[in-house]
N, C-alpha and C. Protein backbone atom coordinates (compact mmCIF):
# COMPACT_ATOMS: atom_id res chain seq x y z
N MET A 1 8.37 10.90 2.62
CA MET A 1 8.82 9.94 3.61
C MET A 1 9.32 10.68 4.85
N VAL A 2 9.07 10.12 6.01
CA VAL A 2 9.51 10.69 7.27
C VAL A 2 10.98 10.33 7.46
N SER A 3 11.79 11.31 7.83
CA SER A 3 13.20 11.00 8.08
C SER A 3 13.36 10.58 9.53
N ILE A 4 14.22 9.62 9.74
CA ILE A 4 14.43 9.09 11.08
C ILE A 4 15.88 9.32 11.48
N GLN A 5 16.08 10.06 12.57
CA GLN A 5 17.41 10.28 13.09
C GLN A 5 17.57 9.38 14.30
N THR A 6 18.56 8.53 14.26
CA THR A 6 18.73 7.56 15.34
C THR A 6 20.16 7.56 15.83
N ASN A 7 20.34 6.88 16.94
CA ASN A 7 21.67 6.73 17.51
C ASN A 7 22.23 5.33 17.28
N MET A 8 21.43 4.45 16.69
CA MET A 8 21.83 3.06 16.48
C MET A 8 21.54 2.66 15.05
N GLN A 9 22.10 1.53 14.67
CA GLN A 9 21.77 0.90 13.40
C GLN A 9 20.38 0.27 13.51
N TRP A 10 19.60 0.31 12.45
CA TRP A 10 18.27 -0.31 12.42
C TRP A 10 18.24 -1.36 11.34
N ASP A 11 17.62 -2.50 11.62
CA ASP A 11 17.41 -3.53 10.62
C ASP A 11 16.67 -2.90 9.44
N SER A 12 17.14 -3.12 8.23
CA SER A 12 16.59 -2.42 7.07
C SER A 12 15.13 -2.76 6.79
N MET A 13 14.73 -4.03 6.95
CA MET A 13 13.33 -4.41 6.73
C MET A 13 12.43 -3.78 7.79
N ALA A 14 12.87 -3.81 9.03
CA ALA A 14 12.08 -3.22 10.11
C ALA A 14 11.97 -1.71 9.92
N LEU A 15 13.05 -1.08 9.50
CA LEU A 15 13.04 0.36 9.26
C LEU A 15 12.10 0.72 8.12
N SER A 16 12.08 -0.08 7.09
CA SER A 16 11.18 0.16 5.96
C SER A 16 9.71 0.10 6.42
N LYS A 17 9.36 -0.91 7.21
CA LYS A 17 8.00 -1.02 7.74
C LYS A 17 7.69 0.16 8.65
N TYR A 18 8.65 0.55 9.46
CA TYR A 18 8.47 1.66 10.38
C TYR A 18 8.21 2.96 9.61
N ASN A 19 8.99 3.20 8.56
CA ASN A 19 8.77 4.38 7.73
C ASN A 19 7.37 4.39 7.14
N LYS A 20 6.93 3.25 6.63
CA LYS A 20 5.58 3.14 6.08
C LYS A 20 4.54 3.43 7.15
N MET A 21 4.78 2.88 8.33
CA MET A 21 3.83 3.09 9.43
C MET A 21 3.76 4.56 9.82
N LEU A 22 4.91 5.20 9.95
CA LEU A 22 4.92 6.61 10.31
C LEU A 22 4.15 7.45 9.30
N ASN A 23 4.28 7.11 8.04
CA ASN A 23 3.59 7.87 7.00
C ASN A 23 2.08 7.65 7.02
N LEU A 24 1.60 6.61 7.68
CA LEU A 24 0.17 6.34 7.79
C LEU A 24 -0.45 6.90 9.07
N ILE A 25 0.40 7.31 9.99
CA ILE A 25 -0.08 7.91 11.24
C ILE A 25 -0.54 9.33 10.92
N PRO A 26 -1.67 9.76 11.48
CA PRO A 26 -2.14 11.13 11.22
C PRO A 26 -1.03 12.16 11.49
N VAL A 27 -0.96 13.15 10.62
CA VAL A 27 0.12 14.14 10.65
C VAL A 27 0.29 14.77 12.03
N PHE A 28 -0.80 15.09 12.69
CA PHE A 28 -0.69 15.78 13.97
C PHE A 28 -0.16 14.89 15.09
N HIS A 29 -0.04 13.57 14.88
CA HIS A 29 0.54 12.66 15.88
C HIS A 29 1.90 12.10 15.43
N ARG A 30 2.22 12.29 14.19
CA ARG A 30 3.39 11.63 13.59
C ARG A 30 4.70 11.96 14.29
N ARG A 31 4.99 13.23 14.47
CA ARG A 31 6.29 13.64 15.05
C ARG A 31 6.44 13.11 16.48
N LEU A 32 5.39 13.22 17.26
CA LEU A 32 5.45 12.73 18.64
C LEU A 32 5.65 11.21 18.67
N ALA A 33 4.90 10.50 17.84
CA ALA A 33 5.05 9.04 17.77
C ALA A 33 6.47 8.67 17.38
N GLN A 34 7.01 9.38 16.41
CA GLN A 34 8.37 9.10 15.96
C GLN A 34 9.39 9.30 17.08
N GLU A 35 9.29 10.41 17.78
CA GLU A 35 10.24 10.69 18.86
C GLU A 35 10.17 9.63 19.96
N VAL A 36 8.96 9.31 20.38
CA VAL A 36 8.77 8.36 21.47
C VAL A 36 9.19 6.95 21.06
N VAL A 37 8.76 6.52 19.88
CA VAL A 37 9.06 5.16 19.43
C VAL A 37 10.54 4.99 19.12
N ASN A 38 11.17 5.98 18.50
CA ASN A 38 12.61 5.89 18.24
C ASN A 38 13.37 5.64 19.54
N LYS A 39 13.08 6.46 20.53
CA LYS A 39 13.78 6.35 21.81
C LYS A 39 13.52 5.00 22.47
N LYS A 40 12.24 4.61 22.55
CA LYS A 40 11.87 3.36 23.22
C LYS A 40 12.41 2.14 22.47
N ALA A 41 12.38 2.17 21.15
CA ALA A 41 12.88 1.04 20.36
C ALA A 41 14.39 0.87 20.57
N GLU A 42 15.11 1.96 20.59
CA GLU A 42 16.55 1.88 20.82
C GLU A 42 16.85 1.40 22.24
N GLN A 43 16.07 1.84 23.20
CA GLN A 43 16.23 1.34 24.57
C GLN A 43 15.98 -0.16 24.63
N GLY A 44 14.98 -0.62 23.89
CA GLY A 44 14.69 -2.05 23.84
C GLY A 44 15.83 -2.86 23.26
N ALA A 45 16.43 -2.34 22.19
CA ALA A 45 17.56 -3.03 21.57
C ALA A 45 18.74 -3.11 22.53
N VAL A 46 19.02 -2.02 23.21
CA VAL A 46 20.11 -1.99 24.18
C VAL A 46 19.83 -2.98 25.31
N ALA A 47 18.60 -3.01 25.79
CA ALA A 47 18.24 -3.93 26.88
C ALA A 47 18.42 -5.39 26.46
N ARG A 48 18.21 -5.67 25.16
CA ARG A 48 18.41 -7.03 24.66
C ARG A 48 19.88 -7.33 24.39
N GLY A 49 20.72 -6.31 24.47
CA GLY A 49 22.14 -6.49 24.19
C GLY A 49 22.44 -6.50 22.70
N SER A 50 21.54 -5.92 21.92
CA SER A 50 21.69 -5.90 20.47
C SER A 50 22.34 -4.59 20.01
N SER A 51 23.06 -4.67 18.90
CA SER A 51 23.68 -3.48 18.34
C SER A 51 22.77 -2.80 17.32
N GLN A 52 21.60 -3.42 17.06
CA GLN A 52 20.68 -2.79 16.11
C GLN A 52 19.23 -2.96 16.57
N VAL A 53 18.40 -2.01 16.13
CA VAL A 53 16.98 -2.06 16.41
C VAL A 53 16.34 -3.03 15.44
N GLU A 54 15.52 -3.93 15.96
CA GLU A 54 14.83 -4.92 15.14
C GLU A 54 13.32 -4.73 15.26
N GLU A 55 12.59 -5.48 14.46
CA GLU A 55 11.13 -5.36 14.43
C GLU A 55 10.52 -5.47 15.82
N MET A 56 10.99 -6.41 16.62
CA MET A 56 10.42 -6.60 17.95
C MET A 56 10.56 -5.35 18.81
N ASP A 57 11.65 -4.62 18.66
CA ASP A 57 11.87 -3.40 19.44
C ASP A 57 10.87 -2.31 19.03
N ILE A 58 10.62 -2.20 17.74
CA ILE A 58 9.69 -1.19 17.23
C ILE A 58 8.26 -1.52 17.68
N VAL A 59 7.88 -2.77 17.49
CA VAL A 59 6.52 -3.18 17.86
C VAL A 59 6.30 -3.00 19.35
N GLN A 60 7.25 -3.43 20.16
CA GLN A 60 7.08 -3.29 21.60
C GLN A 60 7.05 -1.82 22.02
N ALA A 61 7.80 -0.98 21.32
CA ALA A 61 7.77 0.46 21.62
C ALA A 61 6.38 1.02 21.34
N PHE A 62 5.81 0.67 20.19
CA PHE A 62 4.45 1.13 19.89
C PHE A 62 3.45 0.61 20.92
N LEU A 63 3.55 -0.67 21.24
CA LEU A 63 2.58 -1.27 22.16
C LEU A 63 2.64 -0.67 23.56
N THR A 64 3.81 -0.26 23.99
CA THR A 64 3.93 0.27 25.35
C THR A 64 3.77 1.79 25.42
N GLU A 65 4.01 2.49 24.33
CA GLU A 65 4.03 3.95 24.39
C GLU A 65 2.82 4.65 23.78
N VAL A 66 2.11 3.99 22.88
CA VAL A 66 0.96 4.64 22.24
C VAL A 66 -0.23 4.60 23.20
N PRO A 67 -0.89 5.74 23.40
CA PRO A 67 -2.05 5.78 24.31
C PRO A 67 -3.14 4.81 23.85
N LYS A 68 -3.84 4.25 24.81
CA LYS A 68 -4.89 3.27 24.54
C LYS A 68 -5.96 3.82 23.59
N ALA A 69 -6.19 5.11 23.60
CA ALA A 69 -7.20 5.70 22.72
C ALA A 69 -6.86 5.48 21.24
N PHE A 70 -5.58 5.27 20.94
CA PHE A 70 -5.15 5.11 19.55
C PHE A 70 -4.77 3.66 19.24
N TYR A 71 -5.05 2.76 20.17
CA TYR A 71 -4.64 1.36 20.03
C TYR A 71 -5.18 0.71 18.75
N SER A 72 -6.47 0.86 18.48
CA SER A 72 -7.05 0.20 17.31
C SER A 72 -6.47 0.75 16.01
N LEU A 73 -6.23 2.05 15.96
CA LEU A 73 -5.59 2.63 14.78
C LEU A 73 -4.18 2.08 14.60
N MET A 74 -3.43 1.99 15.69
CA MET A 74 -2.07 1.48 15.64
C MET A 74 -2.06 0.03 15.14
N ILE A 75 -2.96 -0.80 15.64
CA ILE A 75 -3.02 -2.20 15.22
C ILE A 75 -3.38 -2.30 13.74
N ARG A 76 -4.32 -1.49 13.30
CA ARG A 76 -4.71 -1.51 11.89
C ARG A 76 -3.53 -1.13 11.00
N ILE A 77 -2.76 -0.12 11.41
CA ILE A 77 -1.60 0.31 10.62
C ILE A 77 -0.51 -0.75 10.66
N MET A 78 -0.30 -1.38 11.81
CA MET A 78 0.71 -2.46 11.89
C MET A 78 0.35 -3.58 10.93
N ASP A 79 -0.93 -3.95 10.88
CA ASP A 79 -1.38 -4.96 9.93
C ASP A 79 -1.08 -4.54 8.50
N GLU A 80 -1.38 -3.30 8.20
CA GLU A 80 -1.21 -2.79 6.84
C GLU A 80 0.24 -2.81 6.37
N VAL A 81 1.18 -2.51 7.26
CA VAL A 81 2.59 -2.46 6.86
C VAL A 81 3.31 -3.79 7.04
N GLY A 82 2.66 -4.75 7.71
CA GLY A 82 3.25 -6.08 7.85
C GLY A 82 4.01 -6.36 9.12
N PHE A 83 3.82 -5.55 10.16
CA PHE A 83 4.43 -5.87 11.45
C PHE A 83 3.68 -7.04 12.08
N ASP A 84 4.42 -8.02 12.57
CA ASP A 84 3.83 -9.19 13.23
C ASP A 84 3.74 -8.89 14.73
N TYR A 85 2.76 -8.10 15.10
CA TYR A 85 2.62 -7.62 16.46
C TYR A 85 2.00 -8.65 17.39
N LYS A 86 1.28 -9.63 16.87
CA LYS A 86 0.49 -10.55 17.70
C LYS A 86 1.34 -11.33 18.69
N LYS A 87 2.56 -11.64 18.34
CA LYS A 87 3.41 -12.40 19.25
C LYS A 87 3.97 -11.56 20.40
N TYR A 88 3.72 -10.25 20.37
CA TYR A 88 4.20 -9.37 21.42
C TYR A 88 3.09 -8.87 22.34
N ILE A 89 1.86 -9.25 22.04
CA ILE A 89 0.73 -8.80 22.86
C ILE A 89 0.56 -9.72 24.05
């Protein structure tokens, strides 16, 4: 399992899905994706005035930060782990 170091509390269900997703991302992209998404998801939670990162923050971080070349892979993995990304597209 990928360890996640954060500065905020994360919703446990969202964090579980995120961990699963990180483990499905190819190894050579995993660390970079983790760093970028962690930061962006926490920024999203702060912008919403929330004290914790929720599923919407994680999904929006992936959608805005992952390069378009990896978009189809990201969507396939989101489907596999159960992220409801369609309402954020």
